[in-house]
Amino acid sequence: MMRRLGPVLAIAVVLSATSACAGKHSRPVAFTPVRVSFDDSSFGAVLCAKPHELANCFSGTGSTTLPPLGKITMTRTVVSGDQKRTAPAGCDPADTVGTLAGTNGGSAHISGTGTLCGAVATYTLLVDGGSGAFAKLHLTGTIHNDGGAESWDVASFANS
C-alpha cells in the first residue's frame, strides 16, 4: 500500500507547490536578455502637469521590434528635478511613465525611476498592467536615452 501511495503523494506535492507559486504574473519564459534600439525615437521639452510645474518635463515616442512581441511603439513622459531623491553630482532624479503598444492592439503601462545627467538618462524599466494581447505582459530592465536615442536592455519577459 505504501509503495502506491508514494508516487501519488509526490504528484500531489508537486501540484500543490505549482499552484501555490502561481501569482499575478507567470514566471518569465525562456528568454535571453536583449537590447532593442528605438531608431526613430524623438523627445522634446513639454510643459509639466500639476504637481510638477517647477520640474523639467520631456515627452517622446519611438518604435522597435522586440522579438517576443513583434513591432512595438512606446510613448513616454519624463519628469525631472522635483523628486526628493538624491542623484550623483551634475544629475537630477527623474521618473518616467508611458504606454507600450503593439501592432495587435495590446497596450501596457511603462514606468521607471532613474537619473537625468545632462542629455543622458538612465531608468529602471517596468512594463506591466496591460490590456488586450498585453494583459499579462511583464518586462523588466533598463531604459537608456542619450539625447533622444533610446534603447532598452530587457532583462526579463513574461506574457502569459
N, C-alpha and C. Protein backbone atom coordinates (compact mmCIF):
# COMPACT_ATOMS: atom_id res chain seq x y z
N MET A 1 0.82 -1.19 0.00
CA MET A 1 0.00 0.00 0.00
C MET A 1 0.86 1.25 0.00
N MET A 2 1.91 1.26 0.78
CA MET A 2 2.77 2.44 0.85
C MET A 2 3.47 2.70 -0.47
N ARG A 3 3.82 1.68 -1.19
CA ARG A 3 4.52 1.88 -2.45
C ARG A 3 3.63 2.60 -3.45
N ARG A 4 2.37 2.32 -3.49
CA ARG A 4 1.47 3.01 -4.41
C ARG A 4 1.20 4.43 -3.96
N LEU A 5 1.09 4.64 -2.69
CA LEU A 5 0.80 5.97 -2.16
C LEU A 5 1.98 6.92 -2.39
N GLY A 6 3.19 6.43 -2.38
CA GLY A 6 4.38 7.27 -2.56
C GLY A 6 4.33 8.10 -3.83
N PRO A 7 4.15 7.52 -5.02
CA PRO A 7 4.10 8.31 -6.25
C PRO A 7 2.90 9.26 -6.28
N VAL A 8 1.76 8.81 -5.75
CA VAL A 8 0.57 9.69 -5.72
C VAL A 8 0.83 10.89 -4.83
N LEU A 9 1.44 10.65 -3.67
CA LEU A 9 1.75 11.73 -2.75
C LEU A 9 2.76 12.69 -3.38
N ALA A 10 3.75 12.19 -4.07
CA ALA A 10 4.74 13.04 -4.73
C ALA A 10 4.09 13.93 -5.78
N ILE A 11 3.17 13.38 -6.56
CA ILE A 11 2.47 14.18 -7.58
C ILE A 11 1.62 15.25 -6.92
N ALA A 12 0.95 14.91 -5.81
CA ALA A 12 0.12 15.89 -5.09
C ALA A 12 0.97 17.03 -4.56
N VAL A 13 2.16 16.72 -4.04
CA VAL A 13 3.05 17.77 -3.52
C VAL A 13 3.49 18.69 -4.65
N VAL A 14 3.86 18.13 -5.79
CA VAL A 14 4.28 18.94 -6.94
C VAL A 14 3.14 19.84 -7.41
N LEU A 15 1.93 19.30 -7.53
CA LEU A 15 0.79 20.10 -7.95
C LEU A 15 0.47 21.20 -6.96
N SER A 16 0.56 20.92 -5.67
CA SER A 16 0.32 21.94 -4.65
C SER A 16 1.36 23.04 -4.73
N ALA A 17 2.61 22.66 -4.89
CA ALA A 17 3.68 23.66 -4.98
C ALA A 17 3.51 24.51 -6.23
N THR A 18 3.10 23.89 -7.32
CA THR A 18 2.91 24.64 -8.57
C THR A 18 1.79 25.65 -8.42
N SER A 19 0.67 25.25 -7.84
CA SER A 19 -0.43 26.19 -7.70
C SER A 19 -0.14 27.24 -6.65
N ALA A 20 0.65 26.93 -5.63
CA ALA A 20 1.00 27.91 -4.61
C ALA A 20 1.91 28.98 -5.18
N CYS A 21 2.70 28.63 -6.18
CA CYS A 21 3.63 29.60 -6.77
C CYS A 21 2.94 30.48 -7.80
N ALA A 22 1.76 30.12 -8.23
CA ALA A 22 1.07 30.92 -9.24
C ALA A 22 0.68 32.25 -8.62
N GLY A 23 0.96 33.33 -9.29
CA GLY A 23 0.64 34.66 -8.79
C GLY A 23 0.08 35.49 -9.92
N LYS A 24 0.18 36.80 -9.75
CA LYS A 24 -0.33 37.71 -10.77
C LYS A 24 0.38 37.49 -12.10
N HIS A 25 1.68 37.22 -12.04
CA HIS A 25 2.47 37.04 -13.26
C HIS A 25 3.06 35.65 -13.27
N SER A 26 3.11 35.08 -14.42
CA SER A 26 3.78 33.80 -14.55
C SER A 26 5.28 34.03 -14.51
N ARG A 27 6.00 32.96 -14.30
CA ARG A 27 7.45 33.08 -14.33
C ARG A 27 7.87 33.45 -15.75
N PRO A 28 8.96 34.23 -15.87
CA PRO A 28 9.42 34.57 -17.22
C PRO A 28 9.68 33.30 -18.03
N VAL A 29 9.30 33.33 -19.28
CA VAL A 29 9.57 32.21 -20.18
C VAL A 29 11.05 32.20 -20.50
N ALA A 30 11.52 31.14 -21.12
CA ALA A 30 12.91 31.10 -21.52
C ALA A 30 13.17 32.31 -22.40
N PHE A 31 13.96 33.21 -21.92
CA PHE A 31 14.18 34.49 -22.59
C PHE A 31 15.62 34.90 -22.40
N THR A 32 16.28 35.22 -23.47
CA THR A 32 17.64 35.72 -23.40
C THR A 32 17.57 37.24 -23.35
N PRO A 33 18.19 37.86 -22.34
CA PRO A 33 18.17 39.33 -22.29
C PRO A 33 18.58 39.92 -23.63
N VAL A 34 17.94 41.02 -23.99
CA VAL A 34 18.15 41.61 -25.31
C VAL A 34 18.17 43.13 -25.20
N ARG A 35 18.95 43.77 -26.05
CA ARG A 35 18.94 45.23 -26.17
C ARG A 35 18.20 45.57 -27.46
N VAL A 36 17.20 46.43 -27.34
CA VAL A 36 16.48 46.90 -28.52
C VAL A 36 16.67 48.40 -28.63
N SER A 37 16.85 48.88 -29.86
CA SER A 37 17.03 50.30 -30.12
C SER A 37 15.79 50.86 -30.81
N PHE A 38 15.37 52.01 -30.35
CA PHE A 38 14.26 52.73 -30.97
C PHE A 38 14.88 53.73 -31.94
N ASP A 39 15.16 53.29 -33.15
CA ASP A 39 15.91 54.10 -34.11
C ASP A 39 15.20 55.39 -34.49
N ASP A 40 13.88 55.42 -34.36
CA ASP A 40 13.12 56.62 -34.74
C ASP A 40 12.67 57.42 -33.51
N SER A 41 13.30 57.20 -32.34
CA SER A 41 12.85 57.88 -31.13
C SER A 41 13.07 59.38 -31.24
N SER A 42 12.13 60.12 -30.68
CA SER A 42 12.18 61.57 -30.71
C SER A 42 11.61 62.11 -29.40
N PHE A 43 12.37 62.96 -28.72
CA PHE A 43 11.94 63.55 -27.45
C PHE A 43 12.06 65.06 -27.52
N GLY A 44 11.17 65.74 -26.84
CA GLY A 44 11.21 67.19 -26.79
C GLY A 44 10.65 67.70 -25.47
N ALA A 45 10.99 68.92 -25.12
CA ALA A 45 10.51 69.54 -23.88
C ALA A 45 9.01 69.80 -23.98
N VAL A 46 8.32 69.59 -22.86
CA VAL A 46 6.89 69.87 -22.75
C VAL A 46 6.64 70.56 -21.42
N LEU A 47 5.48 71.22 -21.31
CA LEU A 47 5.09 71.81 -20.03
C LEU A 47 4.74 70.70 -19.07
N CYS A 48 5.18 70.83 -17.83
CA CYS A 48 4.89 69.83 -16.82
C CYS A 48 3.49 70.04 -16.26
N ALA A 49 2.82 68.94 -16.03
CA ALA A 49 1.48 68.98 -15.43
C ALA A 49 1.60 69.08 -13.91
N LYS A 50 0.52 69.50 -13.27
CA LYS A 50 0.48 69.55 -11.80
C LYS A 50 0.71 68.16 -11.27
N PRO A 51 1.39 67.96 -10.21
CA PRO A 51 2.01 68.93 -9.30
C PRO A 51 3.48 69.18 -9.62
N HIS A 52 3.89 69.07 -10.85
CA HIS A 52 5.31 69.17 -11.22
C HIS A 52 5.64 70.45 -11.99
N GLU A 53 4.93 71.53 -11.73
CA GLU A 53 5.11 72.76 -12.52
C GLU A 53 6.54 73.29 -12.51
N LEU A 54 7.32 73.01 -11.46
CA LEU A 54 8.69 73.53 -11.36
C LEU A 54 9.74 72.54 -11.86
N ALA A 55 9.32 71.41 -12.36
CA ALA A 55 10.26 70.39 -12.86
C ALA A 55 10.56 70.64 -14.34
N ASN A 56 11.42 69.82 -14.88
CA ASN A 56 11.69 69.78 -16.32
C ASN A 56 11.00 68.54 -16.87
N CYS A 57 10.23 68.70 -17.94
CA CYS A 57 9.49 67.56 -18.50
C CYS A 57 9.80 67.41 -19.98
N PHE A 58 9.81 66.15 -20.40
CA PHE A 58 10.07 65.79 -21.78
C PHE A 58 9.09 64.70 -22.17
N SER A 59 8.73 64.66 -23.43
CA SER A 59 7.84 63.63 -23.91
C SER A 59 8.42 63.09 -25.21
N GLY A 60 8.22 61.78 -25.43
CA GLY A 60 8.79 61.21 -26.64
C GLY A 60 8.09 59.95 -27.08
N THR A 61 8.42 59.55 -28.29
CA THR A 61 7.87 58.33 -28.89
C THR A 61 8.98 57.59 -29.62
N GLY A 62 8.72 56.37 -29.96
CA GLY A 62 9.64 55.59 -30.76
C GLY A 62 9.06 54.21 -31.01
N SER A 63 9.61 53.53 -31.99
CA SER A 63 9.15 52.17 -32.28
C SER A 63 10.36 51.28 -32.54
N THR A 64 10.14 49.98 -32.31
CA THR A 64 11.19 48.99 -32.50
C THR A 64 10.52 47.63 -32.63
N THR A 65 11.33 46.61 -32.78
CA THR A 65 10.83 45.24 -32.76
C THR A 65 11.46 44.53 -31.58
N LEU A 66 10.61 44.01 -30.70
CA LEU A 66 11.07 43.20 -29.58
C LEU A 66 10.70 41.77 -29.91
N PRO A 67 11.70 40.89 -30.12
CA PRO A 67 11.44 39.56 -30.66
C PRO A 67 10.21 38.82 -30.12
N PRO A 68 9.95 38.77 -28.81
CA PRO A 68 8.76 38.03 -28.39
C PRO A 68 7.45 38.72 -28.74
N LEU A 69 7.47 40.04 -28.96
CA LEU A 69 6.23 40.80 -29.17
C LEU A 69 6.02 41.27 -30.59
N GLY A 70 7.07 41.36 -31.37
CA GLY A 70 6.98 41.94 -32.71
C GLY A 70 7.17 43.44 -32.63
N LYS A 71 6.54 44.17 -33.55
CA LYS A 71 6.70 45.62 -33.60
C LYS A 71 5.93 46.27 -32.45
N ILE A 72 6.63 47.15 -31.71
CA ILE A 72 6.03 47.87 -30.59
C ILE A 72 6.32 49.35 -30.72
N THR A 73 5.45 50.16 -30.13
CA THR A 73 5.63 51.60 -30.09
C THR A 73 5.54 52.04 -28.65
N MET A 74 6.48 52.89 -28.23
CA MET A 74 6.42 53.44 -26.88
C MET A 74 6.16 54.93 -26.97
N THR A 75 5.41 55.40 -25.99
CA THR A 75 5.17 56.83 -25.77
C THR A 75 5.40 57.04 -24.28
N ARG A 76 6.30 57.94 -23.93
CA ARG A 76 6.53 58.15 -22.50
C ARG A 76 6.89 59.60 -22.21
N THR A 77 6.65 59.99 -20.95
CA THR A 77 6.94 61.33 -20.47
C THR A 77 7.92 61.23 -19.31
N VAL A 78 8.83 62.20 -19.24
CA VAL A 78 9.84 62.27 -18.19
C VAL A 78 9.56 63.49 -17.33
N VAL A 79 9.66 63.31 -16.01
CA VAL A 79 9.61 64.42 -15.05
C VAL A 79 10.93 64.39 -14.32
N SER A 80 11.67 65.51 -14.35
CA SER A 80 12.99 65.56 -13.74
C SER A 80 13.17 66.83 -12.93
N GLY A 81 13.76 66.67 -11.74
CA GLY A 81 14.19 67.83 -10.98
C GLY A 81 13.40 68.15 -9.74
N ASP A 82 12.22 67.61 -9.53
CA ASP A 82 11.48 67.95 -8.31
C ASP A 82 11.28 66.75 -7.39
N GLN A 83 11.94 65.63 -7.67
CA GLN A 83 11.84 64.46 -6.81
C GLN A 83 12.67 64.68 -5.55
N LYS A 84 12.33 63.98 -4.50
CA LYS A 84 13.02 64.12 -3.21
C LYS A 84 14.12 63.08 -3.03
N ARG A 85 14.61 62.51 -4.14
CA ARG A 85 15.69 61.53 -4.08
C ARG A 85 17.03 62.22 -4.36
N THR A 86 18.09 61.57 -3.96
CA THR A 86 19.42 62.07 -4.28
C THR A 86 19.84 61.54 -5.65
N ALA A 87 20.78 62.23 -6.26
CA ALA A 87 21.33 61.83 -7.55
C ALA A 87 22.81 62.18 -7.55
N PRO A 88 23.59 61.53 -8.40
CA PRO A 88 25.02 61.87 -8.49
C PRO A 88 25.21 63.35 -8.85
N ALA A 89 26.37 63.89 -8.52
CA ALA A 89 26.69 65.29 -8.83
C ALA A 89 26.49 65.55 -10.32
N GLY A 90 25.84 66.65 -10.66
CA GLY A 90 25.60 67.01 -12.04
C GLY A 90 24.37 66.34 -12.65
N CYS A 91 23.65 65.57 -11.86
CA CYS A 91 22.47 64.84 -12.34
C CYS A 91 21.24 65.23 -11.52
N ASP A 92 20.08 64.98 -12.07
CA ASP A 92 18.82 65.18 -11.36
C ASP A 92 18.08 63.85 -11.31
N PRO A 93 17.35 63.60 -10.21
CA PRO A 93 16.49 62.43 -10.21
C PRO A 93 15.41 62.60 -11.27
N ALA A 94 14.95 61.51 -11.84
CA ALA A 94 13.94 61.58 -12.89
C ALA A 94 13.02 60.36 -12.81
N ASP A 95 11.77 60.57 -13.20
CA ASP A 95 10.78 59.49 -13.29
C ASP A 95 10.21 59.50 -14.69
N THR A 96 9.77 58.34 -15.14
CA THR A 96 9.14 58.27 -16.46
C THR A 96 7.91 57.37 -16.40
N VAL A 97 6.89 57.74 -17.14
CA VAL A 97 5.68 56.92 -17.28
C VAL A 97 5.23 56.99 -18.72
N GLY A 98 4.52 55.96 -19.16
CA GLY A 98 4.04 55.98 -20.53
C GLY A 98 3.30 54.72 -20.90
N THR A 99 3.24 54.48 -22.20
CA THR A 99 2.49 53.35 -22.74
C THR A 99 3.32 52.63 -23.79
N LEU A 100 3.23 51.32 -23.76
CA LEU A 100 3.81 50.47 -24.79
C LEU A 100 2.64 49.87 -25.56
N ALA A 101 2.65 49.99 -26.87
CA ALA A 101 1.55 49.47 -27.68
C ALA A 101 2.09 48.54 -28.75
N GLY A 102 1.33 47.52 -29.05
CA GLY A 102 1.70 46.57 -30.09
C GLY A 102 0.84 46.74 -31.32
N THR A 103 1.29 46.22 -32.43
CA THR A 103 0.52 46.33 -33.66
C THR A 103 -0.76 45.51 -33.60
N ASN A 104 -0.85 44.61 -32.61
CA ASN A 104 -2.04 43.77 -32.44
C ASN A 104 -3.11 44.43 -31.59
N GLY A 105 -2.88 45.66 -31.15
CA GLY A 105 -3.88 46.37 -30.35
C GLY A 105 -3.66 46.29 -28.86
N GLY A 106 -2.77 45.45 -28.37
CA GLY A 106 -2.50 45.39 -26.94
C GLY A 106 -1.70 46.59 -26.49
N SER A 107 -1.81 46.93 -25.20
CA SER A 107 -1.01 48.01 -24.63
C SER A 107 -0.66 47.68 -23.19
N ALA A 108 0.38 48.32 -22.67
CA ALA A 108 0.81 48.11 -21.29
C ALA A 108 1.43 49.39 -20.76
N HIS A 109 1.47 49.51 -19.45
CA HIS A 109 1.98 50.68 -18.75
C HIS A 109 3.51 50.59 -18.60
N ILE A 110 4.21 51.69 -18.91
CA ILE A 110 5.66 51.80 -18.72
C ILE A 110 5.90 52.68 -17.51
N SER A 111 6.84 52.31 -16.65
CA SER A 111 7.26 53.19 -15.57
C SER A 111 8.73 52.96 -15.27
N GLY A 112 9.35 53.96 -14.68
CA GLY A 112 10.74 53.84 -14.31
C GLY A 112 11.21 55.00 -13.47
N THR A 113 12.23 54.76 -12.66
CA THR A 113 12.89 55.80 -11.90
C THR A 113 14.35 55.78 -12.27
N GLY A 114 14.99 56.95 -12.20
CA GLY A 114 16.40 57.00 -12.55
C GLY A 114 16.98 58.38 -12.42
N THR A 115 17.90 58.69 -13.34
CA THR A 115 18.58 59.98 -13.31
C THR A 115 18.69 60.57 -14.70
N LEU A 116 18.75 61.88 -14.73
CA LEU A 116 19.00 62.62 -15.96
C LEU A 116 20.28 63.41 -15.72
N CYS A 117 21.32 63.08 -16.49
CA CYS A 117 22.64 63.70 -16.34
C CYS A 117 22.95 64.42 -17.65
N GLY A 118 22.62 65.71 -17.72
CA GLY A 118 22.74 66.43 -18.99
C GLY A 118 21.72 65.87 -19.95
N ALA A 119 22.18 65.35 -21.09
CA ALA A 119 21.26 64.76 -22.07
C ALA A 119 21.16 63.25 -21.94
N VAL A 120 21.87 62.66 -20.98
CA VAL A 120 21.87 61.21 -20.82
C VAL A 120 20.98 60.80 -19.65
N ALA A 121 20.02 59.94 -19.93
CA ALA A 121 19.09 59.46 -18.90
C ALA A 121 19.17 57.95 -18.80
N THR A 122 19.06 57.46 -17.57
CA THR A 122 19.01 56.02 -17.31
C THR A 122 17.91 55.77 -16.29
N TYR A 123 17.03 54.82 -16.59
CA TYR A 123 15.91 54.49 -15.71
C TYR A 123 15.80 52.98 -15.55
N THR A 124 15.21 52.57 -14.43
CA THR A 124 14.75 51.19 -14.35
C THR A 124 13.61 51.07 -15.35
N LEU A 125 13.34 49.89 -15.84
CA LEU A 125 12.24 49.66 -16.77
C LEU A 125 11.28 48.67 -16.15
N LEU A 126 10.01 49.05 -16.10
CA LEU A 126 8.96 48.13 -15.72
C LEU A 126 7.80 48.34 -16.69
N VAL A 127 7.44 47.29 -17.39
CA VAL A 127 6.26 47.31 -18.26
C VAL A 127 5.30 46.32 -17.63
N ASP A 128 4.10 46.81 -17.29
CA ASP A 128 3.15 46.00 -16.53
C ASP A 128 1.76 46.58 -16.69
N GLY A 129 0.76 45.85 -16.25
CA GLY A 129 -0.60 46.38 -16.23
C GLY A 129 -1.17 46.63 -17.61
N GLY A 130 -1.23 45.62 -18.43
CA GLY A 130 -1.65 45.80 -19.82
C GLY A 130 -3.08 45.42 -20.10
N SER A 131 -3.41 45.54 -21.39
CA SER A 131 -4.74 45.16 -21.87
C SER A 131 -4.58 44.44 -23.21
N GLY A 132 -5.64 43.79 -23.64
CA GLY A 132 -5.59 43.06 -24.91
C GLY A 132 -4.52 41.99 -24.88
N ALA A 133 -3.75 41.90 -25.95
CA ALA A 133 -2.70 40.88 -26.04
C ALA A 133 -1.59 41.11 -25.02
N PHE A 134 -1.53 42.30 -24.40
CA PHE A 134 -0.51 42.60 -23.39
C PHE A 134 -1.08 42.57 -21.98
N ALA A 135 -2.24 41.94 -21.78
CA ALA A 135 -2.90 41.93 -20.47
C ALA A 135 -2.00 41.34 -19.38
N LYS A 136 -1.16 40.39 -19.72
CA LYS A 136 -0.29 39.76 -18.73
C LYS A 136 1.18 40.05 -18.99
N LEU A 137 1.45 41.06 -19.82
CA LEU A 137 2.83 41.40 -20.16
C LEU A 137 3.55 41.97 -18.94
N HIS A 138 4.76 41.50 -18.73
CA HIS A 138 5.60 41.99 -17.64
C HIS A 138 7.04 41.98 -18.13
N LEU A 139 7.64 43.16 -18.28
CA LEU A 139 9.05 43.31 -18.68
C LEU A 139 9.79 44.04 -17.59
N THR A 140 11.04 43.70 -17.38
CA THR A 140 11.92 44.48 -16.52
C THR A 140 13.23 44.70 -17.25
N GLY A 141 13.96 45.72 -16.83
CA GLY A 141 15.25 46.00 -17.44
C GLY A 141 15.66 47.42 -17.18
N THR A 142 16.31 48.02 -18.18
CA THR A 142 16.86 49.38 -18.07
C THR A 142 16.57 50.16 -19.34
N ILE A 143 16.17 51.41 -19.17
CA ILE A 143 15.99 52.34 -20.28
C ILE A 143 17.24 53.21 -20.35
N HIS A 144 17.79 53.38 -21.56
CA HIS A 144 18.91 54.29 -21.78
C HIS A 144 18.47 55.30 -22.84
N ASN A 145 18.71 56.57 -22.57
CA ASN A 145 18.38 57.59 -23.55
C ASN A 145 19.52 58.59 -23.59
N ASP A 146 20.10 58.77 -24.75
CA ASP A 146 21.24 59.67 -24.93
C ASP A 146 20.82 60.80 -25.85
N GLY A 147 20.16 61.79 -25.29
CA GLY A 147 19.74 62.94 -26.08
C GLY A 147 18.66 62.63 -27.09
N GLY A 148 17.86 61.61 -26.84
CA GLY A 148 16.78 61.24 -27.74
C GLY A 148 16.93 59.86 -28.33
N ALA A 149 18.16 59.36 -28.45
CA ALA A 149 18.38 58.00 -28.96
C ALA A 149 18.08 57.01 -27.83
N GLU A 150 17.01 56.26 -27.98
CA GLU A 150 16.52 55.38 -26.92
C GLU A 150 16.87 53.93 -27.19
N SER A 151 17.29 53.22 -26.12
CA SER A 151 17.45 51.77 -26.18
C SER A 151 17.00 51.19 -24.85
N TRP A 152 16.54 49.95 -24.89
CA TRP A 152 16.12 49.24 -23.69
C TRP A 152 16.92 47.95 -23.59
N ASP A 153 17.45 47.69 -22.41
CA ASP A 153 18.02 46.38 -22.09
C ASP A 153 16.93 45.63 -21.35
N VAL A 154 16.30 44.70 -22.04
CA VAL A 154 15.19 43.94 -21.47
C VAL A 154 15.80 42.72 -20.77
N ALA A 155 15.65 42.66 -19.44
CA ALA A 155 16.25 41.59 -18.65
C ALA A 155 15.31 40.41 -18.45
N SER A 156 14.00 40.68 -18.31
CA SER A 156 13.06 39.58 -18.13
C SER A 156 11.78 39.86 -18.92
N PHE A 157 11.10 38.79 -19.30
CA PHE A 157 9.91 38.89 -20.14
C PHE A 157 8.93 37.79 -19.74
N ALA A 158 7.67 38.17 -19.55
CA ALA A 158 6.59 37.20 -19.35
C ALA A 158 5.34 37.78 -19.99
N ASN A 159 4.55 36.95 -20.65
CA ASN A 159 3.31 37.41 -21.29
C ASN A 159 2.26 36.30 -21.26
N SER A 160 2.19 35.62 -20.14
CA SER A 160 1.15 34.58 -20.03
C SER A 160 0.77 34.40 -18.59
